């Protein structure tokens, strides 16, 4: 018959307690993935933001949430009238994500934590409005000659609104500019005709010079 002394029972109880504590720690310890941030709320002070590491979440006192830091590729379309009265349709592609600073992560979490799909809608709305505003302040020639400048102007116009939401745009490219009246297609025709005429005159002069050389020979 095996007799358990009080010391043995105490050791056994301590082991059980250690196992339970270890299980609680394992269950309540959160590790952030490379493309996400963990926000811990509750307890004293403001919420804690963790990226690239781990954090212990106190049971019954704190809660943890995750927000994605992955880049999103968005299509932007808008229509606006230029300063020379031409209605233009513009299509652009933007790559957007939640900013990497704690302040921007907090700002994005306050707005989009419950529904991350709203990031797409909000960014598209801001960039579309900025693109429409920039097009409205330029001529057709200014727009089609330097799309990179147009894209940079759009980013600068949208920066403040996006920063308040905790978002940043990595890249913005103007993919297509068109109009329903074929103004862009026709705008280069006079120059093309001039070049073609110059080429034809040069070809005629070269032919005449060749013929005269033959006669002289």
C-alpha atoms as a PDB file:
ATOM      1  CA  UNK A   1       0.000   0.000   0.000  1.00  0.00           C
ATOM      2  CA  UNK A   2       1.438   3.347  -1.092  1.00  0.00           C
ATOM      3  CA  UNK A   3       1.248   6.139   1.435  1.00  0.00           C
ATOM      4  CA  UNK A   4       1.404   9.780   0.287  1.00  0.00           C
ATOM      5  CA  UNK A   5       3.089  12.110   2.681  1.00  0.00           C
ATOM      6  CA  UNK A   6       2.141  15.728   2.963  1.00  0.00           C
ATOM      7  CA  UNK A   7       5.407  16.635   1.223  1.00  0.00           C
ATOM      8  CA  UNK A   8       4.605  14.394  -1.726  1.00  0.00           C
ATOM      9  CA  UNK A   9       1.128  15.831  -2.023  1.00  0.00           C
ATOM     10  CA  UNK A  10       2.579  19.331  -1.892  1.00  0.00           C
ATOM     11  CA  UNK A  11       5.067  18.623  -4.680  1.00  0.00           C
ATOM     12  CA  UNK A  12       2.337  17.039  -6.810  1.00  0.00           C
ATOM     13  CA  UNK A  13       0.085  20.031  -6.277  1.00  0.00           C
ATOM     14  CA  UNK A  14       2.893  22.428  -7.158  1.00  0.00           C
ATOM     15  CA  UNK A  15       3.536  20.551 -10.416  1.00  0.00           C
ATOM     16  CA  UNK A  16      -0.133  20.754 -11.334  1.00  0.00           C
ATOM     17  CA  UNK A  17      -0.129  24.463 -10.584  1.00  0.00           C
ATOM     18  CA  UNK A  18       2.961  24.996 -12.769  1.00  0.00           C
ATOM     19  CA  UNK A  19       1.351  23.097 -15.630  1.00  0.00           C
ATOM     20  CA  UNK A  20      -1.806  25.191 -15.350  1.00  0.00           C
ATOM     21  CA  UNK A  21       0.203  28.425 -15.302  1.00  0.00           C
ATOM     22  CA  UNK A  22       2.204  27.267 -18.339  1.00  0.00           C
ATOM     23  CA  UNK A  23      -1.020  26.458 -20.217  1.00  0.00           C
ATOM     24  CA  UNK A  24      -2.479  29.863 -19.391  1.00  0.00           C
ATOM     25  CA  UNK A  25       0.686  31.610 -20.574  1.00  0.00           C
ATOM     26  CA  UNK A  26       0.766  29.616 -23.808  1.00  0.00           C
ATOM     27  CA  UNK A  27      -2.901  30.263 -24.461  1.00  0.00           C
ATOM     28  CA  UNK A  28      -2.729  33.984 -23.682  1.00  0.00           C
ATOM     29  CA  UNK A  29       0.569  34.769 -25.429  1.00  0.00           C
ATOM     30  CA  UNK A  30       0.078  36.312 -28.885  1.00  0.00           C
ATOM     31  CA  UNK A  31       2.762  36.513 -31.582  1.00  0.00           C
ATOM     32  CA  UNK A  32       2.363  38.945 -34.471  1.00  0.00           C
ATOM     33  CA  UNK A  33       2.919  37.638 -37.987  1.00  0.00           C
ATOM     34  CA  UNK A  34       5.279  39.613 -40.267  1.00  0.00           C
ATOM     35  CA  UNK A  35       2.304  41.150 -42.118  1.00  0.00           C
ATOM     36  CA  UNK A  36       0.071  42.014 -39.173  1.00  0.00           C
ATOM     37  CA  UNK A  37      -0.088  44.032 -35.976  1.00  0.00           C
ATOM     38  CA  UNK A  38      -1.597  43.047 -32.643  1.00  0.00           C
ATOM     39  CA  UNK A  39      -3.571  45.617 -30.679  1.00  0.00           C
ATOM     40  CA  UNK A  40      -4.078  44.873 -26.971  1.00  0.00           C
ATOM     41  CA  UNK A  41      -6.844  46.782 -25.172  1.00  0.00           C
ATOM     42  CA  UNK A  42      -7.916  46.913 -21.542  1.00  0.00           C
ATOM     43  CA  UNK A  43      -6.029  47.415 -18.329  1.00  0.00           C
ATOM     44  CA  UNK A  44      -4.394  50.725 -17.495  1.00  0.00           C
ATOM     45  CA  UNK A  45      -3.245  53.205 -20.097  1.00  0.00           C
ATOM     46  CA  UNK A  46      -3.906  53.288 -23.836  1.00  0.00           C
ATOM     47  CA  UNK A  47      -3.936  50.247 -26.074  1.00  0.00           C
ATOM     48  CA  UNK A  48      -0.667  48.515 -26.879  1.00  0.00           C
ATOM     49  CA  UNK A  49       0.476  47.937 -30.486  1.00  0.00           C
ATOM     50  CA  UNK A  50       2.834  45.040 -31.234  1.00  0.00           C
ATOM     51  CA  UNK A  51       4.538  44.343 -34.582  1.00  0.00           C
ATOM     52  CA  UNK A  52       7.246  41.757 -35.240  1.00  0.00           C
ATOM     53  CA  UNK A  53       7.064  40.311 -31.730  1.00  0.00           C
ATOM     54  CA  UNK A  54       4.842  38.843 -29.047  1.00  0.00           C
ATOM     55  CA  UNK A  55       2.781  40.026 -26.086  1.00  0.00           C
ATOM     56  CA  UNK A  56       1.061  38.409 -23.105  1.00  0.00           C
ATOM     57  CA  UNK A  57      -2.632  39.242 -22.848  1.00  0.00           C
ATOM     58  CA  UNK A  58      -3.887  39.268 -19.269  1.00  0.00           C
ATOM     59  CA  UNK A  59      -6.938  37.028 -18.835  1.00  0.00           C
ATOM     60  CA  UNK A  60     -10.229  38.750 -17.899  1.00  0.00           C
ATOM     61  CA  UNK A  61      -8.501  42.142 -18.107  1.00  0.00           C
ATOM     62  CA  UNK A  62      -7.240  42.566 -21.668  1.00  0.00           C
ATOM     63  CA  UNK A  63      -8.331  41.613 -25.183  1.00  0.00           C
ATOM     64  CA  UNK A  64      -6.255  41.322 -28.342  1.00  0.00           C
ATOM     65  CA  UNK A  65      -7.121  42.094 -31.956  1.00  0.00           C
ATOM     66  CA  UNK A  66      -5.147  41.806 -35.188  1.00  0.00           C
ATOM     67  CA  UNK A  67      -5.042  44.137 -38.177  1.00  0.00           C
ATOM     68  CA  UNK A  68      -3.435  43.272 -41.506  1.00  0.00           C
ATOM     69  CA  UNK A  69      -0.458  45.272 -42.768  1.00  0.00           C
ATOM     70  CA  UNK A  70      -0.513  43.633 -46.211  1.00  0.00           C
ATOM     71  CA  UNK A  71      -0.481  45.779 -49.338  1.00  0.00           C
ATOM     72  CA  UNK A  72      -3.693  46.069 -51.347  1.00  0.00           C
ATOM     73  CA  UNK A  73      -3.914  46.701 -55.088  1.00  0.00           C
ATOM     74  CA  UNK A  74      -6.807  48.977 -55.993  1.00  0.00           C
ATOM     75  CA  UNK A  75      -8.277  50.224 -59.259  1.00  0.00           C
ATOM     76  CA  UNK A  76      -9.188  53.909 -59.363  1.00  0.00           C
ATOM     77  CA  UNK A  77     -11.495  55.401 -61.986  1.00  0.00           C
ATOM     78  CA  UNK A  78     -12.849  58.917 -62.294  1.00  0.00           C
ATOM     79  CA  UNK A  79     -14.216  61.453 -64.762  1.00  0.00           C
ATOM     80  CA  UNK A  80     -13.503  65.172 -64.789  1.00  0.00           C
ATOM     81  CA  UNK A  81     -13.412  68.183 -67.100  1.00  0.00           C
ATOM     82  CA  UNK A  82     -10.058  69.786 -67.892  1.00  0.00           C
ATOM     83  CA  UNK A  83      -9.393  73.518 -67.921  1.00  0.00           C
ATOM     84  CA  UNK A  84      -9.835  73.521 -71.713  1.00  0.00           C
ATOM     85  CA  UNK A  85     -13.325  72.040 -71.413  1.00  0.00           C
ATOM     86  CA  UNK A  86     -12.617  68.411 -72.377  1.00  0.00           C
ATOM     87  CA  UNK A  87     -14.258  65.673 -70.289  1.00  0.00           C
ATOM     88  CA  UNK A  88     -11.674  63.018 -69.495  1.00  0.00           C
ATOM     89  CA  UNK A  89     -11.959  59.495 -68.119  1.00  0.00           C
ATOM     90  CA  UNK A  90      -8.934  58.383 -66.126  1.00  0.00           C
ATOM     91  CA  UNK A  91      -7.990  54.961 -64.818  1.00  0.00           C
ATOM     92  CA  UNK A  92      -5.219  54.378 -62.274  1.00  0.00           C
ATOM     93  CA  UNK A  93      -3.826  51.586 -60.090  1.00  0.00           C
ATOM     94  CA  UNK A  94      -2.727  52.170 -56.503  1.00  0.00           C
ATOM     95  CA  UNK A  95      -0.990  49.992 -53.923  1.00  0.00           C
ATOM     96  CA  UNK A  96      -2.102  50.917 -50.401  1.00  0.00           C
ATOM     97  CA  UNK A  97      -1.558  49.545 -46.901  1.00  0.00           C
ATOM     98  CA  UNK A  98      -1.814  50.427 -43.223  1.00  0.00           C
ATOM     99  CA  UNK A  99       1.141  52.565 -42.129  1.00  0.00           C
ATOM    100  CA  UNK A 100       3.914  50.968 -40.093  1.00  0.00           C
ATOM    101  CA  UNK A 101       4.023  53.426 -37.166  1.00  0.00           C
ATOM    102  CA  UNK A 102       2.095  52.817 -33.952  1.00  0.00           C
ATOM    103  CA  UNK A 103       0.124  56.031 -34.441  1.00  0.00           C
ATOM    104  CA  UNK A 104      -1.000  55.025 -37.937  1.00  0.00           C
ATOM    105  CA  UNK A 105      -1.855  51.477 -36.826  1.00  0.00           C
ATOM    106  CA  UNK A 106      -4.010  52.890 -34.017  1.00  0.00           C
ATOM    107  CA  UNK A 107      -5.725  55.283 -36.432  1.00  0.00           C
ATOM    108  CA  UNK A 108      -6.435  52.467 -38.913  1.00  0.00           C
ATOM    109  CA  UNK A 109      -7.645  50.148 -36.131  1.00  0.00           C
ATOM    110  CA  UNK A 110     -10.136  52.735 -34.886  1.00  0.00           C
ATOM    111  CA  UNK A 111     -11.690  52.963 -38.345  1.00  0.00           C
ATOM    112  CA  UNK A 112     -11.231  49.583 -40.008  1.00  0.00           C
ATOM    113  CA  UNK A 113     -10.678  46.912 -37.341  1.00  0.00           C
ATOM    114  CA  UNK A 114     -14.257  45.619 -37.519  1.00  0.00           C
ATOM    115  CA  UNK A 115     -14.291  45.603 -41.346  1.00  0.00           C
ATOM    116  CA  UNK A 116     -10.979  45.702 -43.197  1.00  0.00           C
ATOM    117  CA  UNK A 117     -12.766  45.792 -46.581  1.00  0.00           C
ATOM    118  CA  UNK A 118     -13.643  49.408 -45.832  1.00  0.00           C
ATOM    119  CA  UNK A 119      -9.962  50.235 -46.403  1.00  0.00           C
ATOM    120  CA  UNK A 120     -10.467  49.621 -50.122  1.00  0.00           C
ATOM    121  CA  UNK A 121     -13.629  51.711 -50.314  1.00  0.00           C
ATOM    122  CA  UNK A 122     -12.205  54.603 -48.312  1.00  0.00           C
ATOM    123  CA  UNK A 123      -8.926  54.720 -50.257  1.00  0.00           C
ATOM    124  CA  UNK A 124     -10.683  54.521 -53.612  1.00  0.00           C
ATOM    125  CA  UNK A 125     -12.957  57.385 -52.608  1.00  0.00           C
ATOM    126  CA  UNK A 126     -10.084  59.621 -51.486  1.00  0.00           C
ATOM    127  CA  UNK A 127      -7.831  58.897 -54.483  1.00  0.00           C
ATOM    128  CA  UNK A 128     -10.675  59.196 -56.970  1.00  0.00           C
ATOM    129  CA  UNK A 129     -11.584  62.610 -55.581  1.00  0.00           C
ATOM    130  CA  UNK A 130      -7.964  63.765 -55.651  1.00  0.00           C
ATOM    131  CA  UNK A 131      -7.479  62.535 -59.227  1.00  0.00           C
ATOM    132  CA  UNK A 132     -10.649  64.328 -60.303  1.00  0.00           C
ATOM    133  CA  UNK A 133      -9.458  67.527 -58.658  1.00  0.00           C
ATOM    134  CA  UNK A 134      -6.004  67.376 -60.280  1.00  0.00           C
ATOM    135  CA  UNK A 135      -7.437  66.696 -63.754  1.00  0.00           C
ATOM    136  CA  UNK A 136      -9.802  69.640 -63.299  1.00  0.00           C
ATOM    137  CA  UNK A 137      -6.838  71.991 -62.859  1.00  0.00           C
ATOM    138  CA  UNK A 138      -4.838  70.897 -65.930  1.00  0.00           C
ATOM    139  CA  UNK A 139      -5.118  70.993 -69.711  1.00  0.00           C
ATOM    140  CA  UNK A 140      -5.347  67.863 -71.825  1.00  0.00           C
ATOM    141  CA  UNK A 141      -1.781  68.328 -73.068  1.00  0.00           C
ATOM    142  CA  UNK A 142      -0.435  68.644 -69.524  1.00  0.00           C
ATOM    143  CA  UNK A 143      -2.178  65.426 -68.526  1.00  0.00           C
ATOM    144  CA  UNK A 144      -1.110  63.242 -71.432  1.00  0.00           C
ATOM    145  CA  UNK A 145       2.471  64.527 -71.614  1.00  0.00           C
ATOM    146  CA  UNK A 146       3.502  63.684 -68.048  1.00  0.00           C
ATOM    147  CA  UNK A 147       1.358  61.137 -66.234  1.00  0.00           C
ATOM    148  CA  UNK A 148       4.008  60.691 -63.536  1.00  0.00           C
ATOM    149  CA  UNK A 149       3.603  64.331 -62.491  1.00  0.00           C
ATOM    150  CA  UNK A 150      -0.176  63.887 -62.403  1.00  0.00           C
ATOM    151  CA  UNK A 151       0.179  60.779 -60.216  1.00  0.00           C
ATOM    152  CA  UNK A 152       2.543  62.581 -57.814  1.00  0.00           C
ATOM    153  CA  UNK A 153       0.132  65.504 -57.561  1.00  0.00           C
ATOM    154  CA  UNK A 154      -2.702  63.097 -56.713  1.00  0.00           C
ATOM    155  CA  UNK A 155      -0.626  61.497 -53.938  1.00  0.00           C
ATOM    156  CA  UNK A 156       0.232  64.880 -52.455  1.00  0.00           C
ATOM    157  CA  UNK A 157      -3.417  65.953 -52.548  1.00  0.00           C
ATOM    158  CA  UNK A 158      -4.600  62.726 -50.871  1.00  0.00           C
ATOM    159  CA  UNK A 159      -1.800  62.366 -48.312  1.00  0.00           C
ATOM    160  CA  UNK A 160      -3.385  64.271 -45.439  1.00  0.00           C
ATOM    161  CA  UNK A 161      -6.754  62.507 -45.661  1.00  0.00           C
ATOM    162  CA  UNK A 162      -5.146  59.059 -45.901  1.00  0.00           C
ATOM    163  CA  UNK A 163      -2.690  59.719 -43.054  1.00  0.00           C
ATOM    164  CA  UNK A 164      -5.579  60.567 -40.724  1.00  0.00           C
ATOM    165  CA  UNK A 165      -6.979  57.119 -41.503  1.00  0.00           C
ATOM    166  CA  UNK A 166      -3.628  55.420 -40.883  1.00  0.00           C
ATOM    167  CA  UNK A 167      -3.087  54.549 -44.554  1.00  0.00           C
ATOM    168  CA  UNK A 168      -0.186  55.077 -46.952  1.00  0.00           C
ATOM    169  CA  UNK A 169       0.022  54.658 -50.732  1.00  0.00           C
ATOM    170  CA  UNK A 170       3.160  52.868 -51.914  1.00  0.00           C
ATOM    171  CA  UNK A 171       2.621  53.537 -55.621  1.00  0.00           C
ATOM    172  CA  UNK A 172       0.094  55.171 -57.930  1.00  0.00           C
ATOM    173  CA  UNK A 173       0.216  54.777 -61.708  1.00  0.00           C
ATOM    174  CA  UNK A 174      -2.022  56.425 -64.289  1.00  0.00           C
ATOM    175  CA  UNK A 175      -2.814  53.574 -66.665  1.00  0.00           C
ATOM    176  CA  UNK A 176      -5.206  55.157 -69.142  1.00  0.00           C
ATOM    177  CA  UNK A 177      -6.486  58.590 -70.129  1.00  0.00           C
ATOM    178  CA  UNK A 178      -9.272  58.810 -72.707  1.00  0.00           C
ATOM    179  CA  UNK A 179     -12.182  60.966 -73.839  1.00  0.00           C
ATOM    180  CA  UNK A 180     -15.462  60.232 -75.612  1.00  0.00           C
ATOM    181  CA  UNK A 181     -14.931  62.858 -78.336  1.00  0.00           C
ATOM    182  CA  UNK A 182     -11.586  61.427 -79.596  1.00  0.00           C
ATOM    183  CA  UNK A 183      -9.892  64.710 -78.693  1.00  0.00           C
ATOM    184  CA  UNK A 184      -6.716  62.943 -77.607  1.00  0.00           C
ATOM    185  CA  UNK A 185      -6.637  60.845 -80.786  1.00  0.00           C
ATOM    186  CA  UNK A 186      -6.998  63.951 -82.959  1.00  0.00           C
ATOM    187  CA  UNK A 187      -4.686  66.223 -81.010  1.00  0.00           C
ATOM    188  CA  UNK A 188      -1.568  64.723 -82.576  1.00  0.00           C
ATOM    189  CA  UNK A 189      -2.811  64.652 -86.157  1.00  0.00           C
ATOM    190  CA  UNK A 190      -1.575  68.148 -87.220  1.00  0.00           C
ATOM    191  CA  UNK A 191       1.905  67.383 -85.959  1.00  0.00           C
ATOM    192  CA  UNK A 192       1.858  63.962 -87.626  1.00  0.00           C
ATOM    193  CA  UNK A 193       0.728  65.539 -90.891  1.00  0.00           C
ATOM    194  CA  UNK A 194       3.508  68.116 -90.665  1.00  0.00           C
ATOM    195  CA  UNK A 195       6.116  65.414 -90.116  1.00  0.00           C
ATOM    196  CA  UNK A 196       4.721  63.364 -93.007  1.00  0.00           C
ATOM    197  CA  UNK A 197       4.770  66.410 -95.292  1.00  0.00           C
ATOM    198  CA  UNK A 198       8.365  67.203 -94.370  1.00  0.00           C
ATOM    199  CA  UNK A 199       9.344  63.610 -95.101  1.00  0.00           C
ATOM    200  CA  UNK A 200       7.611  63.668 -98.482  1.00  0.00           C
ATOM    201  CA  UNK A 201       9.361  66.931 -99.467  1.00  0.00           C
ATOM    202  CA  UNK A 202      12.717  65.532 -98.417  1.00  0.00           C
ATOM    203  CA  UNK A 203      12.060  62.376-100.424  1.00  0.00           C
ATOM    204  CA  UNK A 204      11.084  64.406-103.517  1.00  0.00           C
ATOM    205  CA  UNK A 205      14.179  66.599-103.245  1.00  0.00           C
ATOM    206  CA  UNK A 206      16.389  63.548-102.916  1.00  0.00           C
ATOM    207  CA  UNK A 207      14.815  61.978-106.009  1.00  0.00           C
ATOM    208  CA  UNK A 208      15.281  65.160-108.056  1.00  0.00           C
ATOM    209  CA  UNK A 209      18.887  65.436-106.953  1.00  0.00           C
ATOM    210  CA  UNK A 210      19.452  61.849-107.986  1.00  0.00           C
ATOM    211  CA  UNK A 211      17.919  62.421-111.418  1.00  0.00           C
ATOM    212  CA  UNK A 212      19.977  65.563-111.986  1.00  0.00           C
ATOM    213  CA  UNK A 213      23.106  63.665-111.088  1.00  0.00           C
ATOM    214  CA  UNK A 214      22.297  61.011-113.638  1.00  0.00           C
ATOM    215  CA  UNK A 215      21.693  63.607-116.353  1.00  0.00           C
ATOM    216  CA  UNK A 216      24.933  65.392-115.551  1.00  0.00           C
ATOM    217  CA  UNK A 217      26.780  62.102-115.764  1.00  0.00           C
END
